[in-house]
PDB file of N, CA and C in Angstrom:
ATOM      1  N   GLY A   1    -112.201 -81.315 -12.782  1.00  0.00           N
ATOM      2  CA  GLY A   1    -111.965 -82.363 -11.283  1.00  0.00           C
ATOM      3  C   GLY A   1    -111.610 -81.194  -9.863  1.00  0.00           C
ATOM      4  N   THR A   2    -111.660 -81.906  -8.799  1.00  0.00           N
ATOM      5  CA  THR A   2    -111.998 -81.116  -7.467  1.00  0.00           C
ATOM      6  C   THR A   2    -110.226 -80.963  -7.570  1.00  0.00           C
ATOM      7  N   VAL A   3    -109.637 -80.054  -7.502  1.00  0.00           N
ATOM      8  CA  VAL A   3    -108.033 -79.971  -7.195  1.00  0.00           C
ATOM      9  C   VAL A   3    -107.962 -79.870  -5.825  1.00  0.00           C
ATOM     10  N   GLY A   4    -106.804 -80.818  -5.119  1.00  0.00           N
ATOM     11  CA  GLY A   4    -106.526 -80.382  -3.461  1.00  0.00           C
ATOM     12  C   GLY A   4    -107.219 -81.387  -2.520  1.00  0.00           C
ATOM     13  N   VAL A   5    -108.200 -82.338  -3.114  1.00  0.00           N
ATOM     14  CA  VAL A   5    -108.794 -83.161  -2.427  1.00  0.00           C
ATOM     15  C   VAL A   5    -107.903 -84.004  -1.391  1.00  0.00           C
ATOM     16  N   ALA A   6    -106.932 -84.885  -2.102  1.00  0.00           N
ATOM     17  CA  ALA A   6    -105.997 -86.007  -1.731  1.00  0.00           C
ATOM     18  C   ALA A   6    -105.199 -84.726  -0.658  1.00  0.00           C
ATOM     19  N   SER A   7    -104.873 -84.048  -1.173  1.00  0.00           N
ATOM     20  CA  SER A   7    -103.876 -82.724   0.149  1.00  0.00           C
ATOM     21  C   SER A   7    -104.535 -82.586   0.952  1.00  0.00           C
ATOM     22  N   LYS A   8    -105.814 -82.260   1.119  1.00  0.00           N
ATOM     23  CA  LYS A   8    -106.442 -81.817   2.246  1.00  0.00           C
ATOM     24  C   LYS A   8    -106.833 -83.056   3.491  1.00  0.00           C
ATOM     25  N   VAL A   9    -106.872 -84.336   2.564  1.00  0.00           N
ATOM     26  CA  VAL A   9    -107.402 -85.877   3.097  1.00  0.00           C
ATOM     27  C   VAL A   9    -105.990 -86.004   3.888  1.00  0.00           C
ATOM     28  N   PHE A  10    -104.918 -85.890   3.199  1.00  0.00           N
ATOM     29  CA  PHE A  10    -103.253 -86.279   4.180  1.00  0.00           C
ATOM     30  C   PHE A  10    -102.935 -85.108   4.818  1.00  0.00           C
ATOM     31  N   GLY A  11    -103.440 -83.868   4.480  1.00  0.00           N
ATOM     32  CA  GLY A  11    -102.635 -82.964   5.489  1.00  0.00           C
ATOM     33  C   GLY A  11    -103.461 -83.236   6.379  1.00  0.00           C
ATOM     34  N   SER A  12    -104.744 -82.977   6.876  1.00  0.00           N
ATOM     35  CA  SER A  12    -105.501 -82.838   7.936  1.00  0.00           C
ATOM     36  C   SER A  12    -104.939 -84.153   8.909  1.00  0.00           C
ATOM     37  N   ILE A  13    -104.918 -85.367   8.498  1.00  0.00           N
ATOM     38  CA  ILE A  13    -104.467 -86.434   9.191  1.00  0.00           C
ATOM     39  C   ILE A  13    -103.049 -86.182   9.769  1.00  0.00           C
ATOM     40  N   ALA A  14    -102.386 -85.560   8.653  1.00  0.00           N
ATOM     41  CA  ALA A  14    -100.709 -85.589   8.932  1.00  0.00           C
ATOM     42  C   ALA A  14    -100.666 -84.796  10.374  1.00  0.00           C
ATOM     43  N   LYS A  15    -101.559 -83.462  10.589  1.00  0.00           N
ATOM     44  CA  LYS A  15    -101.468 -82.654  11.526  1.00  0.00           C
ATOM     45  C   LYS A  15    -101.605 -83.662  12.862  1.00  0.00           C
ATOM     46  N   LYS A  16    -102.426 -85.008  12.724  1.00  0.00           N
ATOM     47  CA  LYS A  16    -102.946 -85.278  13.965  1.00  0.00           C
ATOM     48  C   LYS A  16    -101.664 -86.522  14.148  1.00  0.00           C
ATOM     49  N   LYS A  17    -100.539 -86.457  13.338  1.00  0.00           N
ATOM     50  CA  LYS A  17     -99.361 -87.732  13.725  1.00  0.00           C
ATOM     51  C   LYS A  17    -100.112 -89.252  13.411  1.00  0.00           C
ATOM     52  N   VAL A  18    -101.142 -88.997  12.617  1.00  0.00           N
ATOM     53  CA  VAL A  18    -101.477 -90.522  12.206  1.00  0.00           C
ATOM     54  C   VAL A  18    -100.744 -91.117  10.771  1.00  0.00           C
ATOM     55  N   ASN A  19    -100.499 -91.753  11.093  1.00  0.00           N
ATOM     56  CA  ASN A  19     -99.516 -92.038   9.879  1.00  0.00           C
ATOM     57  C   ASN A  19    -100.496 -93.267   8.448  1.00  0.00           C
ATOM     58  N   VAL A  20    -100.154 -93.031   7.613  1.00  0.00           N
ATOM     59  CA  VAL A  20    -100.892 -93.710   6.317  1.00  0.00           C
ATOM     60  C   VAL A  20     -99.736 -95.020   5.776  1.00  0.00           C
ATOM     61  N   THR A  21    -100.392 -96.358   5.939  1.00  0.00           N
ATOM     62  CA  THR A  21     -99.987 -97.227   5.711  1.00  0.00           C
ATOM     63  C   THR A  21    -100.126 -98.114   4.351  1.00  0.00           C
ATOM     64  N   MET A  22    -101.247 -97.420   3.775  1.00  0.00           N
ATOM     65  CA  MET A  22    -101.811 -98.038   2.370  1.00  0.00           C
ATOM     66  C   MET A  22    -102.852 -96.912   1.709  1.00  0.00           C
ATOM     67  N   ILE A  23    -102.600 -96.806   0.685  1.00  0.00           N
ATOM     68  CA  ILE A  23    -103.184 -95.436   0.057  1.00  0.00           C
ATOM     69  C   ILE A  23    -103.699 -96.129  -1.778  1.00  0.00           C
ATOM     70  N   THR A  24    -105.007 -95.951  -2.126  1.00  0.00           N
ATOM     71  CA  THR A  24    -105.562 -96.260  -3.552  1.00  0.00           C
ATOM     72  C   THR A  24    -106.357 -95.531  -3.541  1.00  0.00           C
ATOM     73  N   GLN A  25    -106.279 -95.410  -4.821  1.00  0.00           N
ATOM     74  CA  GLN A  25    -107.324 -94.173  -5.444  1.00  0.00           C
ATOM     75  C   GLN A  25    -108.190 -94.587  -7.041  1.00  0.00           C
ATOM     76  N   GLY A  26    -109.492 -94.378  -7.245  1.00  0.00           N
ATOM     77  CA  GLY A  26    -109.970 -94.968  -8.051  1.00  0.00           C
ATOM     78  C   GLY A  26    -109.469 -93.838  -9.060  1.00  0.00           C
ATOM     79  N   SER A  27    -110.535 -94.044 -10.142  1.00  0.00           N
ATOM     80  CA  SER A  27    -110.330 -93.132 -11.348  1.00  0.00           C
ATOM     81  C   SER A  27    -110.822 -91.487 -11.036  1.00  0.00           C
ATOM     82  N   SER A  28    -111.475 -91.702 -10.231  1.00  0.00           N
ATOM     83  CA  SER A  28    -112.051 -90.072  -9.771  1.00  0.00           C
ATOM     84  C   SER A  28    -110.788 -89.790  -8.943  1.00  0.00           C
ATOM     85  N   GLU A  29    -110.863 -88.314  -8.656  1.00  0.00           N
ATOM     86  CA  GLU A  29    -109.950 -87.458  -7.135  1.00  0.00           C
ATOM     87  C   GLU A  29    -110.804 -87.714  -5.817  1.00  0.00           C
ATOM     88  N   LEU A  30    -111.957 -88.003  -6.009  1.00  0.00           N
ATOM     89  CA  LEU A  30    -112.959 -88.397  -5.346  1.00  0.00           C
ATOM     90  C   LEU A  30    -112.841 -89.338  -4.510  1.00  0.00           C
ATOM     91  N   ASN A  31    -112.525 -90.704  -5.360  1.00  0.00           N
ATOM     92  CA  ASN A  31    -112.184 -92.111  -4.841  1.00  0.00           C
ATOM     93  C   ASN A  31    -111.064 -92.390  -4.169  1.00  0.00           C
ATOM     94  N   LEU A  32    -110.971 -91.894  -3.050  1.00  0.00           N
ATOM     95  CA  LEU A  32    -110.048 -92.649  -2.169  1.00  0.00           C
ATOM     96  C   LEU A  32    -109.996 -93.446  -1.202  1.00  0.00           C
ATOM     97  N   ALA A  33    -109.120 -94.317  -0.805  1.00  0.00           N
ATOM     98  CA  ALA A  33    -109.188 -95.152   0.209  1.00  0.00           C
ATOM     99  C   ALA A  33    -107.519 -95.351   0.791  1.00  0.00           C
ATOM    100  N   PHE A  34    -107.842 -95.221   1.965  1.00  0.00           N
ATOM    101  CA  PHE A  34    -106.147 -95.412   2.864  1.00  0.00           C
ATOM    102  C   PHE A  34    -106.588 -96.019   4.331  1.00  0.00           C
ATOM    103  N   VAL A  35    -105.472 -96.290   5.011  1.00  0.00           N
ATOM    104  CA  VAL A  35    -105.366 -97.367   6.097  1.00  0.00           C
ATOM    105  C   VAL A  35    -104.672 -96.692   6.939  1.00  0.00           C
ATOM    106  N   VAL A  36    -105.200 -96.898   8.454  1.00  0.00           N
ATOM    107  CA  VAL A  36    -104.268 -96.276   9.063  1.00  0.00           C
ATOM    108  C   VAL A  36    -104.507 -97.517  10.220  1.00  0.00           C
ATOM    109  N   LYS A  37    -103.547 -97.313  11.411  1.00  0.00           N
ATOM    110  CA  LYS A  37    -103.729 -98.060  12.547  1.00  0.00           C
ATOM    111  C   LYS A  37    -105.134 -98.150  13.553  1.00  0.00           C
ATOM    112  N   ASN A  38    -105.944 -99.477  13.555  1.00  0.00           N
ATOM    113  CA  ASN A  38    -106.616 -99.413  14.170  1.00  0.00           C
ATOM    114  C   ASN A  38    -106.964 -97.914  15.346  1.00  0.00           C
ATOM    115  N   SER A  39    -105.734 -98.118  16.280  1.00  0.00           N
ATOM    116  CA  SER A  39    -106.148 -96.987  17.250  1.00  0.00           C
ATOM    117  C   SER A  39    -105.849 -95.744  16.913  1.00  0.00           C
ATOM    118  N   ASP A  40    -105.630 -95.548  15.526  1.00  0.00           N
ATOM    119  CA  ASP A  40    -105.505 -94.020  14.972  1.00  0.00           C
ATOM    120  C   ASP A  40    -106.912 -94.145  14.322  1.00  0.00           C
ATOM    121  N   CYS A  41    -107.999 -94.708  14.200  1.00  0.00           N
ATOM    122  CA  CYS A  41    -108.874 -94.560  12.975  1.00  0.00           C
ATOM    123  C   CYS A  41    -109.613 -93.425  13.761  1.00  0.00           C
ATOM    124  N   LYS A  42    -110.307 -92.911  15.189  1.00  0.00           N
ATOM    125  CA  LYS A  42    -110.796 -92.028  15.704  1.00  0.00           C
ATOM    126  C   LYS A  42    -110.273 -91.147  15.424  1.00  0.00           C
ATOM    127  N   LEU A  43    -109.106 -90.957  15.238  1.00  0.00           N
ATOM    128  CA  LEU A  43    -108.768 -89.440  15.594  1.00  0.00           C
ATOM    129  C   LEU A  43    -108.337 -89.238  13.751  1.00  0.00           C
ATOM    130  N   ALA A  44    -108.292 -89.732  12.938  1.00  0.00           N
ATOM    131  CA  ALA A  44    -108.397 -89.842  11.193  1.00  0.00           C
ATOM    132  C   ALA A  44    -109.447 -89.407  11.165  1.00  0.00           C
ATOM    133  N   VAL A  45    -110.923 -90.210  11.357  1.00  0.00           N
ATOM    134  CA  VAL A  45    -112.209 -89.735  11.603  1.00  0.00           C
ATOM    135  C   VAL A  45    -112.131 -88.127  11.512  1.00  0.00           C
ATOM    136  N   GLN A  46    -112.403 -87.666  12.637  1.00  0.00           N
ATOM    137  CA  GLN A  46    -112.420 -86.791  13.726  1.00  0.00           C
ATOM    138  C   GLN A  46    -111.615 -85.776  12.846  1.00  0.00           C
ATOM    139  N   ALA A  47    -110.464 -85.967  12.263  1.00  0.00           N
ATOM    140  CA  ALA A  47    -109.576 -84.725  11.528  1.00  0.00           C
ATOM    141  C   ALA A  47    -110.258 -84.410   9.972  1.00  0.00           C
ATOM    142  N   LEU A  48    -110.680 -85.557   9.220  1.00  0.00           N
ATOM    143  CA  LEU A  48    -111.527 -85.973   8.527  1.00  0.00           C
ATOM    144  C   LEU A  48    -112.947 -84.840   8.597  1.00  0.00           C
ATOM    145  N   HIS A  49    -113.353 -85.239   9.162  1.00  0.00           N
ATOM    146  CA  HIS A  49    -114.777 -84.628   9.717  1.00  0.00           C
ATOM    147  C   HIS A  49    -114.692 -83.086  10.175  1.00  0.00           C
ATOM    148  N   ASN A  50    -113.659 -82.520  10.643  1.00  0.00           N
ATOM    149  CA  ASN A  50    -113.378 -81.112  11.106  1.00  0.00           C
ATOM    150  C   ASN A  50    -112.448 -80.556   9.568  1.00  0.00           C
ATOM    151  N   GLU A  51    -111.693 -81.008   8.604  1.00  0.00           N
ATOM    152  CA  GLU A  51    -111.289 -80.671   7.402  1.00  0.00           C
ATOM    153  C   GLU A  51    -112.270 -80.621   6.356  1.00  0.00           C
ATOM    154  N   PHE A  52    -113.070 -81.351   6.323  1.00  0.00           N
ATOM    155  CA  PHE A  52    -114.217 -81.254   5.404  1.00  0.00           C
ATOM    156  C   PHE A  52    -115.930 -80.672   5.560  1.00  0.00           C
ATOM    157  N   GLU A  53    -115.667 -79.845   6.802  1.00  0.00           N
ATOM    158  CA  GLU A  53    -116.692 -79.420   8.288  1.00  0.00           C
ATOM    159  C   GLU A  53    -118.084 -80.433   7.497  1.00  0.00           C
ATOM    160  N   LEU A  54    -117.906 -81.662   8.039  1.00  0.00           N
ATOM    161  CA  LEU A  54    -118.911 -82.869   7.592  1.00  0.00           C
ATOM    162  C   LEU A  54    -120.039 -82.212   8.913  1.00  0.00           C
ATOM    163  N   ALA A  55    -119.805 -81.969   9.716  1.00  0.00           N
ATOM    164  CA  ALA A  55    -120.579 -81.434  10.596  1.00  0.00           C
ATOM    165  C   ALA A  55    -122.088 -80.181  10.348  1.00  0.00           C
ATOM    166  N   LYS A  56    -121.973 -79.939   9.489  1.00  0.00           N
ATOM    167  CA  LYS A  56    -122.620 -78.782   8.482  1.00  0.00           C
ATOM    168  C   LYS A  56    -123.601 -79.430   7.535  1.00  0.00           C
ATOM    169  N   ILE A  57    -123.105 -80.873   7.084  1.00  0.00           N
ATOM    170  CA  ILE A  57    -124.182 -81.393   6.221  1.00  0.00           C
ATOM    171  C   ILE A  57    -124.731 -82.144   6.778  1.00  0.00           C
ATOM    172  N   ASN A  58    -126.385 -82.041   6.399  1.00  0.00           N
ATOM    173  CA  ASN A  58    -127.525 -82.290   7.036  1.00  0.00           C
ATOM    174  C   ASN A  58    -128.213 -83.397   6.220  1.00  0.00           C
TER     175      ASN A  58
END
């Protein structure tokens, strides 16, 4: 599997001071869902895009 995915996810949003209120994970380390306050949603998404370099995906 891919090691460190959850660490990258939660580390990147923690740097932005976004609090996670609920976490769930499926059978794969790549299947991850979590809940943040609506007011923190945009900041969390931006942090994830930056961490995983999603702007480079076409």
